Amino acid sequence: MDYRQRRKEQAQQTEQAILQAAMELARENSFDKVSVRDICQRAGITTGAFYHHFRSKEDLLSRGFSPWTGTWRRPCPATRLTPRPSGFG
């Protein structure tokens, strides 16, 4: 594996660690009470590394969790049901 590929994988692992830490903390507290510093401590990274990958906590929310949005719009194979899109109570 060449250097570029290793760096790309490391970057993906770091982003995943940030997202995982943010999800864990959001489950424990409300997301608005979680700080970037809290996320970094849980992920085991520096705040500089966080800001290398995300511009802000809000950017993490919009970029990091957006791939899951599409998941909820596809049919659920186990139940054969399609969850309602957000906004449909």
C-alpha atoms as a PDB file:
ATOM      1  CA  MET A   1       0.000   0.000   0.000  1.00  0.00           C
ATOM      2  CA  ASP A   2       1.412   3.374  -0.944  1.00  0.00           C
ATOM      3  CA  TYR A   3       1.625   6.473   1.210  1.00  0.00           C
ATOM      4  CA  ARG A   4      -1.436   8.213  -0.258  1.00  0.00           C
ATOM      5  CA  GLN A   5      -3.629   5.200   0.284  1.00  0.00           C
ATOM      6  CA  ARG A   6      -2.457   4.854   3.904  1.00  0.00           C
ATOM      7  CA  ARG A   7      -3.148   8.545   4.584  1.00  0.00           C
ATOM      8  CA  LYS A   8      -6.597   8.254   3.019  1.00  0.00           C
ATOM      9  CA  GLU A   9      -7.423   5.266   5.224  1.00  0.00           C
ATOM     10  CA  GLN A  10      -6.099   7.058   8.308  1.00  0.00           C
ATOM     11  CA  ALA A  11      -8.261  10.082   7.496  1.00  0.00           C
ATOM     12  CA  GLN A  12     -11.322   7.859   7.114  1.00  0.00           C
ATOM     13  CA  GLN A  13     -10.566   6.147  10.424  1.00  0.00           C
ATOM     14  CA  THR A  14     -10.203   9.507  12.152  1.00  0.00           C
ATOM     15  CA  GLU A  15     -13.503  10.750  10.729  1.00  0.00           C
ATOM     16  CA  GLN A  16     -15.198   7.544  11.850  1.00  0.00           C
ATOM     17  CA  ALA A  17     -13.738   7.936  15.356  1.00  0.00           C
ATOM     18  CA  ILE A  18     -15.056  11.501  15.495  1.00  0.00           C
ATOM     19  CA  LEU A  19     -18.515  10.432  14.337  1.00  0.00           C
ATOM     20  CA  GLN A  20     -18.594   7.518  16.770  1.00  0.00           C
ATOM     21  CA  ALA A  21     -17.570   9.751  19.665  1.00  0.00           C
ATOM     22  CA  ALA A  22     -20.186  12.340  18.710  1.00  0.00           C
ATOM     23  CA  MET A  23     -22.914   9.687  18.543  1.00  0.00           C
ATOM     24  CA  GLU A  24     -21.960   8.221  21.911  1.00  0.00           C
ATOM     25  CA  LEU A  25     -21.890  11.612  23.563  1.00  0.00           C
ATOM     26  CA  ALA A  26     -25.163  12.660  21.938  1.00  0.00           C
ATOM     27  CA  ARG A  27     -26.802   9.549  23.401  1.00  0.00           C
ATOM     28  CA  GLU A  28     -25.497  10.437  26.862  1.00  0.00           C
ATOM     29  CA  ASN A  29     -26.342  14.155  26.664  1.00  0.00           C
ATOM     30  CA  SER A  30     -28.209  16.329  24.246  1.00  0.00           C
ATOM     31  CA  PHE A  31     -26.072  17.157  21.230  1.00  0.00           C
ATOM     32  CA  ASP A  32     -26.173  20.895  21.928  1.00  0.00           C
ATOM     33  CA  LYS A  33     -24.498  20.265  25.300  1.00  0.00           C
ATOM     34  CA  VAL A  34     -21.633  18.286  23.755  1.00  0.00           C
ATOM     35  CA  SER A  35     -18.555  20.359  22.973  1.00  0.00           C
ATOM     36  CA  VAL A  36     -15.936  19.823  20.290  1.00  0.00           C
ATOM     37  CA  ARG A  37     -13.457  19.278  23.116  1.00  0.00           C
ATOM     38  CA  ASP A  38     -15.682  16.506  24.529  1.00  0.00           C
ATOM     39  CA  ILE A  39     -15.830  14.842  21.125  1.00  0.00           C
ATOM     40  CA  CYS A  40     -12.063  15.083  20.705  1.00  0.00           C
ATOM     41  CA  GLN A  41     -11.363  13.622  24.134  1.00  0.00           C
ATOM     42  CA  ARG A  42     -13.701  10.692  23.484  1.00  0.00           C
ATOM     43  CA  ALA A  43     -12.213  10.102  20.018  1.00  0.00           C
ATOM     44  CA  GLY A  44      -8.639  10.401  21.294  1.00  0.00           C
ATOM     45  CA  ILE A  45      -7.681  13.173  18.895  1.00  0.00           C
ATOM     46  CA  THR A  46      -6.638  16.811  19.114  1.00  0.00           C
ATOM     47  CA  THR A  47      -8.990  19.693  18.404  1.00  0.00           C
ATOM     48  CA  GLY A  48      -6.741  20.530  15.450  1.00  0.00           C
ATOM     49  CA  ALA A  49      -7.464  17.105  13.973  1.00  0.00           C
ATOM     50  CA  PHE A  50     -11.186  17.693  14.461  1.00  0.00           C
ATOM     51  CA  TYR A  51     -11.037  21.005  12.612  1.00  0.00           C
ATOM     52  CA  HIS A  52      -8.959  19.421   9.853  1.00  0.00           C
ATOM     53  CA  HIS A  53     -11.923  17.145   9.093  1.00  0.00           C
ATOM     54  CA  PHE A  54     -14.905  19.328  10.077  1.00  0.00           C
ATOM     55  CA  ARG A  55     -15.383  23.108  10.157  1.00  0.00           C
ATOM     56  CA  SER A  56     -17.596  23.004  13.250  1.00  0.00           C
ATOM     57  CA  LYS A  57     -19.809  20.774  15.338  1.00  0.00           C
ATOM     58  CA  GLU A  58     -22.699  21.772  13.076  1.00  0.00           C
ATOM     59  CA  ASP A  59     -20.651  20.761  10.026  1.00  0.00           C
ATOM     60  CA  LEU A  60     -20.086  17.370  11.654  1.00  0.00           C
ATOM     61  CA  LEU A  61     -23.825  17.058  12.152  1.00  0.00           C
ATOM     62  CA  SER A  62     -24.709  17.950   8.578  1.00  0.00           C
ATOM     63  CA  ARG A  63     -21.857  16.102   6.849  1.00  0.00           C
ATOM     64  CA  GLY A  64     -21.394  13.211   9.183  1.00  0.00           C
ATOM     65  CA  PHE A  65     -24.939  12.104   9.659  1.00  0.00           C
ATOM     66  CA  SER A  66     -26.256  12.894   6.171  1.00  0.00           C
ATOM     67  CA  PRO A  67     -25.355   9.461   4.705  1.00  0.00           C
ATOM     68  CA  TRP A  68     -27.822   7.887   7.129  1.00  0.00           C
ATOM     69  CA  THR A  69     -30.652  10.024   5.827  1.00  0.00           C
ATOM     70  CA  GLY A  70     -30.784   8.006   2.612  1.00  0.00           C
ATOM     71  CA  THR A  71     -30.790   4.766   4.568  1.00  0.00           C
ATOM     72  CA  TRP A  72     -34.076   5.649   6.233  1.00  0.00           C
ATOM     73  CA  ARG A  73     -35.752   6.418   2.944  1.00  0.00           C
ATOM     74  CA  ARG A  74     -35.090   2.968   1.479  1.00  0.00           C
ATOM     75  CA  PRO A  75     -37.435   0.060   2.249  1.00  0.00           C
ATOM     76  CA  CYS A  76     -36.502  -1.966   5.302  1.00  0.00           C
ATOM     77  CA  PRO A  77     -35.941  -5.521   3.994  1.00  0.00           C
ATOM     78  CA  ALA A  78     -36.715  -7.231   7.319  1.00  0.00           C
ATOM     79  CA  THR A  79     -40.119  -5.624   7.741  1.00  0.00           C
ATOM     80  CA  ARG A  80     -41.048  -4.711   4.179  1.00  0.00           C
ATOM     81  CA  LEU A  81     -42.016  -1.294   5.513  1.00  0.00           C
ATOM     82  CA  THR A  82     -40.721   2.069   4.425  1.00  0.00           C
ATOM     83  CA  PRO A  83     -40.153   4.464   7.333  1.00  0.00           C
ATOM     84  CA  ARG A  84     -41.762   7.848   6.932  1.00  0.00           C
ATOM     85  CA  PRO A  85     -39.505  10.712   5.858  1.00  0.00           C
ATOM     86  CA  SER A  86     -38.816  13.261   8.552  1.00  0.00           C
ATOM     87  CA  GLY A  87     -41.552  15.808   9.041  1.00  0.00           C
ATOM     88  CA  PHE A  88     -44.389  13.274   8.774  1.00  0.00           C
ATOM     89  CA  GLY A  89     -44.920  12.728  12.529  1.00  0.00           C
END
